[in-house]
Amino acid sequence: MERQLDIPTELYEDEVVSFLADRYHSTPDEIVRCFLAQDGRIQDGRKTSGFVLEENEMEIMRGLAKGVLCGRKYDI
């Protein structure tokens, strides 16, 4: 059974996520989903959205995820 992820709204609303969404002509949801799939946190059975985050963008997203989740029980 796959674990349900509870991702805080703040991550989707972050200005960096919005910047990446603009850069890749996508939505914040697609950016977060791409990050989670590339980082091996989820298995994305759907077709990829046609882009791959660069390693430096992945590091930024990892930091954001930890920062947004700091002090919470979530672990994405």
C-alpha atoms as a PDB file:
ATOM      1  CA  MET A   1       0.000   0.000   0.000  1.00  0.00           C
ATOM      2  CA  GLU A   2       1.424   3.355  -1.046  1.00  0.00           C
ATOM      3  CA  ARG A   3       1.619   6.024   1.632  1.00  0.00           C
ATOM      4  CA  GLN A   4      -0.510   9.143   1.088  1.00  0.00           C
ATOM      5  CA  LEU A   5       1.532  12.329   1.115  1.00  0.00           C
ATOM      6  CA  ASP A   6       0.114  15.388   2.814  1.00  0.00           C
ATOM      7  CA  ILE A   7       1.968  18.272   1.202  1.00  0.00           C
ATOM      8  CA  PRO A   8       1.398  21.682   2.786  1.00  0.00           C
ATOM      9  CA  THR A   9      -0.083  24.401   0.586  1.00  0.00           C
ATOM     10  CA  GLU A  10       2.907  26.631   1.363  1.00  0.00           C
ATOM     11  CA  LEU A  11       5.114  24.483  -0.856  1.00  0.00           C
ATOM     12  CA  TYR A  12       2.857  24.999  -3.870  1.00  0.00           C
ATOM     13  CA  GLU A  13       2.673  28.739  -3.152  1.00  0.00           C
ATOM     14  CA  ASP A  14       6.422  29.267  -2.740  1.00  0.00           C
ATOM     15  CA  GLU A  15       7.927  31.835  -5.113  1.00  0.00           C
ATOM     16  CA  VAL A  16      10.666  29.409  -6.205  1.00  0.00           C
ATOM     17  CA  VAL A  17       8.086  26.784  -7.169  1.00  0.00           C
ATOM     18  CA  SER A  18       6.176  29.477  -9.083  1.00  0.00           C
ATOM     19  CA  PHE A  19       9.404  30.533 -10.817  1.00  0.00           C
ATOM     20  CA  LEU A  20      10.122  26.946 -11.866  1.00  0.00           C
ATOM     21  CA  ALA A  21       6.531  26.540 -13.064  1.00  0.00           C
ATOM     22  CA  ASP A  22       6.954  29.607 -15.272  1.00  0.00           C
ATOM     23  CA  ARG A  23      10.328  28.392 -16.480  1.00  0.00           C
ATOM     24  CA  TYR A  24       8.974  24.993 -17.497  1.00  0.00           C
ATOM     25  CA  HIS A  25       5.578  26.316 -18.686  1.00  0.00           C
ATOM     26  CA  SER A  26       3.816  24.144 -16.147  1.00  0.00           C
ATOM     27  CA  THR A  27       1.910  24.420 -12.875  1.00  0.00           C
ATOM     28  CA  PRO A  28       3.244  24.374  -9.312  1.00  0.00           C
ATOM     29  CA  ASP A  29       1.513  20.997  -8.879  1.00  0.00           C
ATOM     30  CA  GLU A  30       3.477  19.572 -11.824  1.00  0.00           C
ATOM     31  CA  ILE A  31       6.732  20.965 -10.405  1.00  0.00           C
ATOM     32  CA  VAL A  32       6.128  19.372  -6.999  1.00  0.00           C
ATOM     33  CA  ARG A  33       5.053  16.070  -8.611  1.00  0.00           C
ATOM     34  CA  CYS A  34       8.135  16.078 -10.853  1.00  0.00           C
ATOM     35  CA  PHE A  35      10.365  16.782  -7.843  1.00  0.00           C
ATOM     36  CA  LEU A  36       8.821  13.958  -5.823  1.00  0.00           C
ATOM     37  CA  ALA A  37       9.120  11.506  -8.724  1.00  0.00           C
ATOM     38  CA  GLN A  38      12.720  12.460  -9.568  1.00  0.00           C
ATOM     39  CA  ASP A  39      13.680  12.248  -5.901  1.00  0.00           C
ATOM     40  CA  GLY A  40      12.198   8.738  -5.678  1.00  0.00           C
ATOM     41  CA  ARG A  41       9.581   9.694  -3.121  1.00  0.00           C
ATOM     42  CA  ILE A  42       6.661   8.684  -5.343  1.00  0.00           C
ATOM     43  CA  GLN A  43       6.191   6.524  -8.378  1.00  0.00           C
ATOM     44  CA  ASP A  44       4.602   8.635 -11.038  1.00  0.00           C
ATOM     45  CA  GLY A  45       2.622   6.228 -13.190  1.00  0.00           C
ATOM     46  CA  ARG A  46       1.353   9.012 -15.409  1.00  0.00           C
ATOM     47  CA  LYS A  47       3.296  10.308 -18.371  1.00  0.00           C
ATOM     48  CA  THR A  48       6.034  12.718 -17.457  1.00  0.00           C
ATOM     49  CA  SER A  49       5.261  16.358 -17.995  1.00  0.00           C
ATOM     50  CA  GLY A  50       7.976  16.756 -20.603  1.00  0.00           C
ATOM     51  CA  PHE A  51      10.661  18.240 -18.404  1.00  0.00           C
ATOM     52  CA  VAL A  52      13.273  17.172 -15.897  1.00  0.00           C
ATOM     53  CA  LEU A  53      14.411  19.390 -13.053  1.00  0.00           C
ATOM     54  CA  GLU A  54      18.139  20.101 -13.046  1.00  0.00           C
ATOM     55  CA  GLU A  55      20.210  18.874 -10.102  1.00  0.00           C
ATOM     56  CA  ASN A  56      20.582  22.377  -8.642  1.00  0.00           C
ATOM     57  CA  GLU A  57      16.794  22.803  -8.851  1.00  0.00           C
ATOM     58  CA  MET A  58      16.361  19.460  -7.099  1.00  0.00           C
ATOM     59  CA  GLU A  59      18.633  20.637  -4.269  1.00  0.00           C
ATOM     60  CA  ILE A  60      16.621  23.840  -3.957  1.00  0.00           C
ATOM     61  CA  MET A  61      13.385  21.834  -3.845  1.00  0.00           C
ATOM     62  CA  ARG A  62      14.830  19.508  -1.180  1.00  0.00           C
ATOM     63  CA  GLY A  63      15.690  22.536   0.931  1.00  0.00           C
ATOM     64  CA  LEU A  64      12.249  24.025   0.406  1.00  0.00           C
ATOM     65  CA  ALA A  65      10.547  20.789   1.357  1.00  0.00           C
ATOM     66  CA  LYS A  66      12.568  20.587   4.573  1.00  0.00           C
ATOM     67  CA  GLY A  67      12.008  24.277   5.351  1.00  0.00           C
ATOM     68  CA  VAL A  68       8.272  24.187   4.748  1.00  0.00           C
ATOM     69  CA  LEU A  69       7.908  21.005   6.750  1.00  0.00           C
ATOM     70  CA  CYS A  70      10.176  22.061   9.628  1.00  0.00           C
ATOM     71  CA  GLY A  71       8.450  21.375  12.916  1.00  0.00           C
ATOM     72  CA  ARG A  72       5.698  19.304  11.307  1.00  0.00           C
ATOM     73  CA  LYS A  73       5.114  15.595  11.302  1.00  0.00           C
ATOM     74  CA  TYR A  74       5.207  15.418   7.499  1.00  0.00           C
ATOM     75  CA  ASP A  75       7.993  13.620   5.697  1.00  0.00           C
ATOM     76  CA  ILE A  76       7.908  13.975   1.955  1.00  0.00           C
END
